[in-house]
């Protein structure tokens, strides 16, 4: 089962830093193009990151206040239907 606090340190490993930066660059491009993106859309464009590492990358970008999540599917999280956009400044 996914746990951000347990997976987060993996993002900072040398071999995953480049993956995370490429992931962030793809997120920024999708947001520039569409103003939002879905987790499924990015999953197909970034297949080299495994599921938990990809989930941690989303959570890290939320933590850094670069993106925000718009929708969670009723009845619990469906990781393929998450919708994100650039975080609006308050």
PDB file of N, CA and C in Angstrom:
ATOM      1  N   UNK A   1       0.848  -1.184   0.000  1.00  0.00           N
ATOM      2  CA  UNK A   1       0.000   0.000   0.000  1.00  0.00           C
ATOM      3  C   UNK A   1       0.890   1.242   0.000  1.00  0.00           C
ATOM      4  N   UNK A   2       0.495   2.230  -0.778  1.00  0.00           N
ATOM      5  CA  UNK A   2       1.278   3.455  -0.920  1.00  0.00           C
ATOM      6  C   UNK A   2       1.253   4.284   0.349  1.00  0.00           C
ATOM      7  N   UNK A   3       2.430   4.788   0.746  1.00  0.00           N
ATOM      8  CA  UNK A   3       2.572   5.686   1.877  1.00  0.00           C
ATOM      9  C   UNK A   3       3.595   6.747   1.479  1.00  0.00           C
ATOM     10  N   UNK A   4       3.157   7.982   1.367  1.00  0.00           N
ATOM     11  CA  UNK A   4       4.042   9.053   0.908  1.00  0.00           C
ATOM     12  C   UNK A   4       5.277   9.202   1.781  1.00  0.00           C
ATOM     13  N   UNK A   5       5.096   9.197   3.083  1.00  0.00           N
ATOM     14  CA  UNK A   5       6.240   9.397   3.981  1.00  0.00           C
ATOM     15  C   UNK A   5       7.299   8.312   3.816  1.00  0.00           C
ATOM     16  N   UNK A   6       6.877   7.104   3.489  1.00  0.00           N
ATOM     17  CA  UNK A   6       7.837   6.021   3.272  1.00  0.00           C
ATOM     18  C   UNK A   6       8.478   6.096   1.888  1.00  0.00           C
ATOM     19  N   UNK A   7       7.733   6.572   0.900  1.00  0.00           N
ATOM     20  CA  UNK A   7       8.220   6.605  -0.474  1.00  0.00           C
ATOM     21  C   UNK A   7       9.000   7.879  -0.790  1.00  0.00           C
ATOM     22  N   UNK A   8       8.697   8.964  -0.108  1.00  0.00           N
ATOM     23  CA  UNK A   8       9.320  10.261  -0.375  1.00  0.00           C
ATOM     24  C   UNK A   8      10.847  10.200  -0.436  1.00  0.00           C
ATOM     25  N   UNK A   9      11.535   9.539   0.486  1.00  0.00           N
ATOM     26  CA  UNK A   9      13.007   9.513   0.418  1.00  0.00           C
ATOM     27  C   UNK A   9      13.553   8.924  -0.885  1.00  0.00           C
ATOM     28  N   UNK A  10      12.783   8.076  -1.545  1.00  0.00           N
ATOM     29  CA  UNK A  10      13.234   7.499  -2.814  1.00  0.00           C
ATOM     30  C   UNK A  10      13.379   8.561  -3.902  1.00  0.00           C
ATOM     31  N   UNK A  11      12.577   9.635  -3.818  1.00  0.00           N
ATOM     32  CA  UNK A  11      12.676  10.712  -4.799  1.00  0.00           C
ATOM     33  C   UNK A  11      14.036  11.393  -4.759  1.00  0.00           C
ATOM     34  N   UNK A  12      14.697  11.350  -3.622  1.00  0.00           N
ATOM     35  CA  UNK A  12      15.958  12.065  -3.445  1.00  0.00           C
ATOM     36  C   UNK A  12      17.182  11.203  -3.731  1.00  0.00           C
ATOM     37  N   UNK A  13      16.950   9.949  -4.074  1.00  0.00           N
ATOM     38  CA  UNK A  13      18.071   9.092  -4.472  1.00  0.00           C
ATOM     39  C   UNK A  13      18.603   9.572  -5.816  1.00  0.00           C
ATOM     40  N   UNK A  14      19.895   9.434  -5.994  1.00  0.00           N
ATOM     41  CA  UNK A  14      20.558   9.924  -7.208  1.00  0.00           C
ATOM     42  C   UNK A  14      19.864   9.435  -8.482  1.00  0.00           C
ATOM     43  N   UNK A  15      19.550   8.147  -8.537  1.00  0.00           N
ATOM     44  CA  UNK A  15      18.965   7.581  -9.756  1.00  0.00           C
ATOM     45  C   UNK A  15      17.534   8.069 -10.026  1.00  0.00           C
ATOM     46  N   UNK A  16      16.874   8.635  -9.020  1.00  0.00           N
ATOM     47  CA  UNK A  16      15.492   9.094  -9.196  1.00  0.00           C
ATOM     48  C   UNK A  16      15.372  10.604  -9.360  1.00  0.00           C
ATOM     49  N   UNK A  17      16.429  11.356  -9.063  1.00  0.00           N
ATOM     50  CA  UNK A  17      16.370  12.808  -9.195  1.00  0.00           C
ATOM     51  C   UNK A  17      16.079  13.224 -10.638  1.00  0.00           C
ATOM     52  N   UNK A  18      16.766  12.626 -11.592  1.00  0.00           N
ATOM     53  CA  UNK A  18      16.541  12.962 -13.003  1.00  0.00           C
ATOM     54  C   UNK A  18      15.111  12.606 -13.411  1.00  0.00           C
ATOM     55  N   UNK A  19      14.626  11.460 -12.957  1.00  0.00           N
ATOM     56  CA  UNK A  19      13.252  11.052 -13.264  1.00  0.00           C
ATOM     57  C   UNK A  19      12.251  12.068 -12.720  1.00  0.00           C
ATOM     58  N   UNK A  20      12.488  12.524 -11.483  1.00  0.00           N
ATOM     59  CA  UNK A  20      11.584  13.486 -10.873  1.00  0.00           C
ATOM     60  C   UNK A  20      11.589  14.808 -11.646  1.00  0.00           C
ATOM     61  N   UNK A  21      12.766  15.275 -12.033  1.00  0.00           N
ATOM     62  CA  UNK A  21      12.847  16.531 -12.780  1.00  0.00           C
ATOM     63  C   UNK A  21      12.184  16.414 -14.146  1.00  0.00           C
ATOM     64  N   UNK A  22      12.343  15.272 -14.815  1.00  0.00           N
ATOM     65  CA  UNK A  22      11.659  15.046 -16.087  1.00  0.00           C
ATOM     66  C   UNK A  22      10.150  15.004 -15.877  1.00  0.00           C
ATOM     67  N   UNK A  23       9.724  14.381 -14.799  1.00  0.00           N
ATOM     68  CA  UNK A  23       8.302  14.318 -14.442  1.00  0.00           C
ATOM     69  C   UNK A  23       7.764  15.741 -14.249  1.00  0.00           C
ATOM     70  N   UNK A  24       8.478  16.552 -13.473  1.00  0.00           N
ATOM     71  CA  UNK A  24       8.051  17.930 -13.207  1.00  0.00           C
ATOM     72  C   UNK A  24       7.980  18.736 -14.509  1.00  0.00           C
ATOM     73  N   UNK A  25       8.958  18.541 -15.395  1.00  0.00           N
ATOM     74  CA  UNK A  25       8.947  19.249 -16.675  1.00  0.00           C
ATOM     75  C   UNK A  25       7.727  18.861 -17.505  1.00  0.00           C
ATOM     76  N   UNK A  26       7.359  17.581 -17.495  1.00  0.00           N
ATOM     77  CA  UNK A  26       6.177  17.129 -18.237  1.00  0.00           C
ATOM     78  C   UNK A  26       4.901  17.709 -17.633  1.00  0.00           C
ATOM     79  N   UNK A  27       4.850  17.770 -16.312  1.00  0.00           N
ATOM     80  CA  UNK A  27       3.705  18.387 -15.633  1.00  0.00           C
ATOM     81  C   UNK A  27       3.563  19.838 -16.077  1.00  0.00           C
ATOM     82  N   UNK A  28       4.662  20.576 -16.074  1.00  0.00           N
ATOM     83  CA  UNK A  28       4.612  21.990 -16.458  1.00  0.00           C
ATOM     84  C   UNK A  28       4.147  22.164 -17.905  1.00  0.00           C
ATOM     85  N   UNK A  29       4.612  21.301 -18.803  1.00  0.00           N
ATOM     86  CA  UNK A  29       4.212  21.394 -20.209  1.00  0.00           C
ATOM     87  C   UNK A  29       2.720  21.102 -20.380  1.00  0.00           C
ATOM     88  N   UNK A  30       2.229  20.095 -19.671  1.00  0.00           N
ATOM     89  CA  UNK A  30       0.803  19.772 -19.755  1.00  0.00           C
ATOM     90  C   UNK A  30      -0.060  20.913 -19.217  1.00  0.00           C
ATOM     91  N   UNK A  31       0.384  21.527 -18.134  1.00  0.00           N
ATOM     92  CA  UNK A  31      -0.367  22.641 -17.548  1.00  0.00           C
ATOM     93  C   UNK A  31      -0.354  23.846 -18.488  1.00  0.00           C
ATOM     94  N   UNK A  32       0.800  24.118 -19.107  1.00  0.00           N
ATOM     95  CA  UNK A  32       0.878  25.234 -20.056  1.00  0.00           C
ATOM     96  C   UNK A  32      -0.069  25.009 -21.237  1.00  0.00           C
ATOM     97  N   UNK A  33      -0.171  23.766 -21.675  1.00  0.00           N
ATOM     98  CA  UNK A  33      -1.000  23.436 -22.839  1.00  0.00           C
ATOM     99  C   UNK A  33      -2.489  23.418 -22.508  1.00  0.00           C
ATOM    100  N   UNK A  34      -2.868  22.785 -21.391  1.00  0.00           N
ATOM    101  CA  UNK A  34      -4.278  22.530 -21.093  1.00  0.00           C
ATOM    102  C   UNK A  34      -4.799  23.185 -19.820  1.00  0.00           C
ATOM    103  N   UNK A  35      -3.937  23.770 -19.023  1.00  0.00           N
ATOM    104  CA  UNK A  35      -4.276  24.339 -17.712  1.00  0.00           C
ATOM    105  C   UNK A  35      -4.537  23.279 -16.646  1.00  0.00           C
ATOM    106  N   UNK A  36      -4.522  22.017 -17.034  1.00  0.00           N
ATOM    107  CA  UNK A  36      -4.715  20.923 -16.085  1.00  0.00           C
ATOM    108  C   UNK A  36      -4.168  19.648 -16.719  1.00  0.00           C
ATOM    109  N   UNK A  37      -4.108  18.575 -15.941  1.00  0.00           N
ATOM    110  CA  UNK A  37      -3.758  17.254 -16.481  1.00  0.00           C
ATOM    111  C   UNK A  37      -4.333  16.195 -15.560  1.00  0.00           C
ATOM    112  N   UNK A  38      -4.491  15.006 -16.089  1.00  0.00           N
ATOM    113  CA  UNK A  38      -4.960  13.880 -15.278  1.00  0.00           C
ATOM    114  C   UNK A  38      -3.787  12.948 -14.999  1.00  0.00           C
ATOM    115  N   UNK A  39      -3.886  12.216 -13.932  1.00  0.00           N
ATOM    116  CA  UNK A  39      -2.829  11.270 -13.591  1.00  0.00           C
ATOM    117  C   UNK A  39      -2.694  10.192 -14.660  1.00  0.00           C
ATOM    118  N   UNK A  40      -3.785   9.794 -15.269  1.00  0.00           N
ATOM    119  CA  UNK A  40      -3.725   8.779 -16.328  1.00  0.00           C
ATOM    120  C   UNK A  40      -2.959   9.311 -17.542  1.00  0.00           C
ATOM    121  N   UNK A  41      -3.219  10.546 -17.892  1.00  0.00           N
ATOM    122  CA  UNK A  41      -2.527  11.155 -19.028  1.00  0.00           C
ATOM    123  C   UNK A  41      -1.013  11.179 -18.799  1.00  0.00           C
ATOM    124  N   UNK A  42      -0.595  11.553 -17.621  1.00  0.00           N
ATOM    125  CA  UNK A  42       0.837  11.617 -17.335  1.00  0.00           C
ATOM    126  C   UNK A  42       1.441  10.232 -17.189  1.00  0.00           C
ATOM    127  N   UNK A  43       0.676   9.285 -16.712  1.00  0.00           N
ATOM    128  CA  UNK A  43       1.170   7.909 -16.563  1.00  0.00           C
ATOM    129  C   UNK A  43       1.595   7.355 -17.918  1.00  0.00           C
ATOM    130  N   UNK A  44       0.819   7.629 -18.949  1.00  0.00           N
ATOM    131  CA  UNK A  44       1.151   7.103 -20.271  1.00  0.00           C
ATOM    132  C   UNK A  44       2.318   7.857 -20.900  1.00  0.00           C
ATOM    133  N   UNK A  45       2.568   9.098 -20.444  1.00  0.00           N
ATOM    134  CA  UNK A  45       3.665   9.886 -20.994  1.00  0.00           C
ATOM    135  C   UNK A  45       4.939   9.751 -20.172  1.00  0.00           C
ATOM    136  N   UNK A  46       4.881   9.078 -19.056  1.00  0.00           N
ATOM    137  CA  UNK A  46       6.033   8.953 -18.177  1.00  0.00           C
ATOM    138  C   UNK A  46       6.098   7.540 -17.610  1.00  0.00           C
ATOM    139  N   UNK A  47       6.179   6.534 -18.468  1.00  0.00           N
ATOM    140  CA  UNK A  47       6.067   5.152 -18.010  1.00  0.00           C
ATOM    141  C   UNK A  47       7.276   4.625 -17.252  1.00  0.00           C
ATOM    142  N   UNK A  48       8.398   5.336 -17.273  1.00  0.00           N
ATOM    143  CA  UNK A  48       9.587   4.809 -16.618  1.00  0.00           C
ATOM    144  C   UNK A  48       9.561   4.945 -15.103  1.00  0.00           C
ATOM    145  N   UNK A  49       8.618   5.702 -14.548  1.00  0.00           N
ATOM    146  CA  UNK A  49       8.488   5.796 -13.094  1.00  0.00           C
ATOM    147  C   UNK A  49       7.490   4.747 -12.628  1.00  0.00           C
ATOM    148  N   UNK A  50       7.841   3.985 -11.609  1.00  0.00           N
ATOM    149  CA  UNK A  50       6.894   2.997 -11.099  1.00  0.00           C
ATOM    150  C   UNK A  50       5.753   3.696 -10.372  1.00  0.00           C
ATOM    151  N   UNK A  51       4.709   2.965 -10.061  1.00  0.00           N
ATOM    152  CA  UNK A  51       3.496   3.534  -9.486  1.00  0.00           C
ATOM    153  C   UNK A  51       3.700   4.335  -8.219  1.00  0.00           C
ATOM    154  N   UNK A  52       4.395   3.770  -7.243  1.00  0.00           N
ATOM    155  CA  UNK A  52       4.573   4.468  -5.969  1.00  0.00           C
ATOM    156  C   UNK A  52       5.478   5.682  -6.118  1.00  0.00           C
ATOM    157  N   UNK A  53       6.500   5.574  -6.928  1.00  0.00           N
ATOM    158  CA  UNK A  53       7.383   6.716  -7.145  1.00  0.00           C
ATOM    159  C   UNK A  53       6.636   7.844  -7.852  1.00  0.00           C
ATOM    160  N   UNK A  54       5.787   7.492  -8.810  1.00  0.00           N
ATOM    161  CA  UNK A  54       4.985   8.491  -9.504  1.00  0.00           C
ATOM    162  C   UNK A  54       3.998   9.167  -8.546  1.00  0.00           C
ATOM    163  N   UNK A  55       3.369   8.387  -7.687  1.00  0.00           N
ATOM    164  CA  UNK A  55       2.448   8.959  -6.694  1.00  0.00           C
ATOM    165  C   UNK A  55       3.194   9.907  -5.758  1.00  0.00           C
ATOM    166  N   UNK A  56       4.392   9.526  -5.363  1.00  0.00           N
ATOM    167  CA  UNK A  56       5.199  10.390  -4.499  1.00  0.00           C
ATOM    168  C   UNK A  56       5.592  11.673  -5.235  1.00  0.00           C
ATOM    169  N   UNK A  57       5.830  11.571  -6.543  1.00  0.00           N
ATOM    170  CA  UNK A  57       6.169  12.761  -7.326  1.00  0.00           C
ATOM    171  C   UNK A  57       4.995  13.742  -7.342  1.00  0.00           C
ATOM    172  N   UNK A  58       3.766  13.240  -7.533  1.00  0.00           N
ATOM    173  CA  UNK A  58       2.589  14.122  -7.441  1.00  0.00           C
ATOM    174  C   UNK A  58       2.528  14.774  -6.064  1.00  0.00           C
ATOM    175  N   UNK A  59       2.648  13.962  -5.037  1.00  0.00           N
ATOM    176  CA  UNK A  59       2.534  14.480  -3.669  1.00  0.00           C
ATOM    177  C   UNK A  59       3.638  15.479  -3.349  1.00  0.00           C
ATOM    178  N   UNK A  60       4.833  15.252  -3.898  1.00  0.00           N
ATOM    179  CA  UNK A  60       5.938  16.193  -3.679  1.00  0.00           C
ATOM    180  C   UNK A  60       5.641  17.527  -4.359  1.00  0.00           C
ATOM    181  N   UNK A  61       5.104  17.504  -5.575  1.00  0.00           N
ATOM    182  CA  UNK A  61       4.764  18.747  -6.256  1.00  0.00           C
ATOM    183  C   UNK A  61       3.644  19.494  -5.534  1.00  0.00           C
ATOM    184  N   UNK A  62       2.724  18.752  -4.938  1.00  0.00           N
ATOM    185  CA  UNK A  62       1.684  19.387  -4.104  1.00  0.00           C
ATOM    186  C   UNK A  62       2.333  20.002  -2.872  1.00  0.00           C
ATOM    187  N   UNK A  63       3.223  19.267  -2.249  1.00  0.00           N
ATOM    188  CA  UNK A  63       3.923  19.748  -1.054  1.00  0.00           C
ATOM    189  C   UNK A  63       4.738  21.012  -1.360  1.00  0.00           C
ATOM    190  N   UNK A  64       5.331  21.081  -2.546  1.00  0.00           N
ATOM    191  CA  UNK A  64       6.103  22.251  -2.968  1.00  0.00           C
ATOM    192  C   UNK A  64       5.207  23.391  -3.455  1.00  0.00           C
ATOM    193  N   UNK A  65       3.898  23.141  -3.457  1.00  0.00           N
ATOM    194  CA  UNK A  65       2.884  24.122  -3.872  1.00  0.00           C
ATOM    195  C   UNK A  65       3.012  24.509  -5.338  1.00  0.00           C
ATOM    196  N   UNK A  66       3.476  23.564  -6.163  1.00  0.00           N
ATOM    197  CA  UNK A  66       3.545  23.788  -7.602  1.00  0.00           C
ATOM    198  C   UNK A  66       2.249  23.378  -8.290  1.00  0.00           C
ATOM    199  N   UNK A  67       1.554  22.382  -7.737  1.00  0.00           N
ATOM    200  CA  UNK A  67       0.274  21.938  -8.291  1.00  0.00           C
ATOM    201  C   UNK A  67      -0.719  21.739  -7.155  1.00  0.00           C
ATOM    202  N   UNK A  68      -1.979  21.640  -7.524  1.00  0.00           N
ATOM    203  CA  UNK A  68      -3.014  21.285  -6.564  1.00  0.00           C
ATOM    204  C   UNK A  68      -3.950  20.284  -7.218  1.00  0.00           C
ATOM    205  N   UNK A  69      -4.553  19.469  -6.402  1.00  0.00           N
ATOM    206  CA  UNK A  69      -5.471  18.455  -6.900  1.00  0.00           C
ATOM    207  C   UNK A  69      -6.874  19.026  -6.934  1.00  0.00           C
ATOM    208  N   UNK A  70      -7.577  18.775  -8.033  1.00  0.00           N
ATOM    209  CA  UNK A  70      -8.932  19.300  -8.197  1.00  0.00           C
ATOM    210  C   UNK A  70     -10.008  18.325  -7.774  1.00  0.00           C
ATOM    211  N   UNK A  71      -9.774  17.040  -7.983  1.00  0.00           N
ATOM    212  CA  UNK A  71     -10.859  16.084  -7.791  1.00  0.00           C
ATOM    213  C   UNK A  71     -10.329  14.748  -7.299  1.00  0.00           C
ATOM    214  N   UNK A  72     -11.039  14.196  -6.369  1.00  0.00           N
ATOM    215  CA  UNK A  72     -10.857  12.799  -5.987  1.00  0.00           C
ATOM    216  C   UNK A  72     -12.162  12.088  -6.286  1.00  0.00           C
ATOM    217  N   UNK A  73     -12.074  10.907  -6.764  1.00  0.00           N
ATOM    218  CA  UNK A  73     -13.267  10.142  -7.106  1.00  0.00           C
ATOM    219  C   UNK A  73     -14.017   9.780  -5.832  1.00  0.00           C
ATOM    220  N   UNK A  74     -15.325   9.912  -5.843  1.00  0.00           N
ATOM    221  CA  UNK A  74     -16.142   9.539  -4.680  1.00  0.00           C
ATOM    222  C   UNK A  74     -15.889   8.089  -4.307  1.00  0.00           C
ATOM    223  N   UNK A  75     -15.893   7.825  -3.011  1.00  0.00           N
ATOM    224  CA  UNK A  75     -15.702   6.465  -2.539  1.00  0.00           C
ATOM    225  C   UNK A  75     -14.237   6.111  -2.338  1.00  0.00           C
ATOM    226  N   UNK A  76     -13.360   7.095  -2.418  1.00  0.00           N
ATOM    227  CA  UNK A  76     -11.941   6.838  -2.208  1.00  0.00           C
ATOM    228  C   UNK A  76     -11.108   7.278  -3.394  1.00  0.00           C
ATOM    229  N   UNK A  77      -9.840   7.186  -3.234  1.00  0.00           N
ATOM    230  CA  UNK A  77      -8.915   7.640  -4.267  1.00  0.00           C
ATOM    231  C   UNK A  77      -8.842   6.618  -5.391  1.00  0.00           C
ATOM    232  N   UNK A  78      -9.010   7.094  -6.587  1.00  0.00           N
ATOM    233  CA  UNK A  78      -8.748   6.300  -7.778  1.00  0.00           C
ATOM    234  C   UNK A  78      -7.549   6.973  -8.444  1.00  0.00           C
ATOM    235  N   UNK A  79      -6.380   6.355  -8.336  1.00  0.00           N
ATOM    236  CA  UNK A  79      -5.144   7.000  -8.753  1.00  0.00           C
ATOM    237  C   UNK A  79      -5.104   7.335 -10.234  1.00  0.00           C
ATOM    238  N   UNK A  80      -5.918   6.694 -11.059  1.00  0.00           N
ATOM    239  CA  UNK A  80      -5.918   6.989 -12.493  1.00  0.00           C
ATOM    240  C   UNK A  80      -6.821   8.147 -12.868  1.00  0.00           C
ATOM    241  N   UNK A  81      -7.650   8.618 -11.959  1.00  0.00           N
ATOM    242  CA  UNK A  81      -8.590   9.688 -12.263  1.00  0.00           C
ATOM    243  C   UNK A  81      -8.316  10.977 -11.507  1.00  0.00           C
ATOM    244  N   UNK A  82      -7.120  11.105 -10.979  1.00  0.00           N
ATOM    245  CA  UNK A  82      -6.789  12.332 -10.257  1.00  0.00           C
ATOM    246  C   UNK A  82      -6.584  13.465 -11.263  1.00  0.00           C
ATOM    247  N   UNK A  83      -7.062  14.655 -10.926  1.00  0.00           N
ATOM    248  CA  UNK A  83      -6.944  15.820 -11.794  1.00  0.00           C
ATOM    249  C   UNK A  83      -6.165  16.900 -11.044  1.00  0.00           C
ATOM    250  N   UNK A  84      -5.181  17.483 -11.736  1.00  0.00           N
ATOM    251  CA  UNK A  84      -4.307  18.493 -11.123  1.00  0.00           C
ATOM    252  C   UNK A  84      -4.257  19.735 -11.996  1.00  0.00           C
ATOM    253  N   UNK A  85      -3.911  20.851 -11.389  1.00  0.00           N
ATOM    254  CA  UNK A  85      -3.657  22.095 -12.098  1.00  0.00           C
ATOM    255  C   UNK A  85      -2.571  22.855 -11.342  1.00  0.00           C
ATOM    256  N   UNK A  86      -2.105  23.920 -11.958  1.00  0.00           N
ATOM    257  CA  UNK A  86      -1.138  24.778 -11.289  1.00  0.00           C
ATOM    258  C   UNK A  86      -1.794  25.356 -10.049  1.00  0.00           C
ATOM    259  N   UNK A  87      -1.068  25.386  -8.975  1.00  0.00           N
ATOM    260  CA  UNK A  87      -1.641  25.912  -7.733  1.00  0.00           C
ATOM    261  C   UNK A  87      -1.852  27.411  -7.866  1.00  0.00           C
ATOM    262  N   UNK A  88      -3.033  27.840  -7.537  1.00  0.00           N
ATOM    263  CA  UNK A  88      -3.365  29.252  -7.574  1.00  0.00           C
ATOM    264  C   UNK A  88      -2.835  29.931  -6.322  1.00  0.00           C
ATOM    265  N   UNK A  89      -2.254  31.095  -6.503  1.00  0.00           N
ATOM    266  CA  UNK A  89      -1.773  31.864  -5.351  1.00  0.00           C
ATOM    267  C   UNK A  89      -2.970  32.471  -4.624  1.00  0.00           C
ATOM    268  N   UNK A  90      -2.923  32.402  -3.319  1.00  0.00           N
ATOM    269  CA  UNK A  90      -4.028  32.940  -2.511  1.00  0.00           C
ATOM    270  C   UNK A  90      -3.709  34.329  -2.013  1.00  0.00           C
TER     271      UNK A  90
END
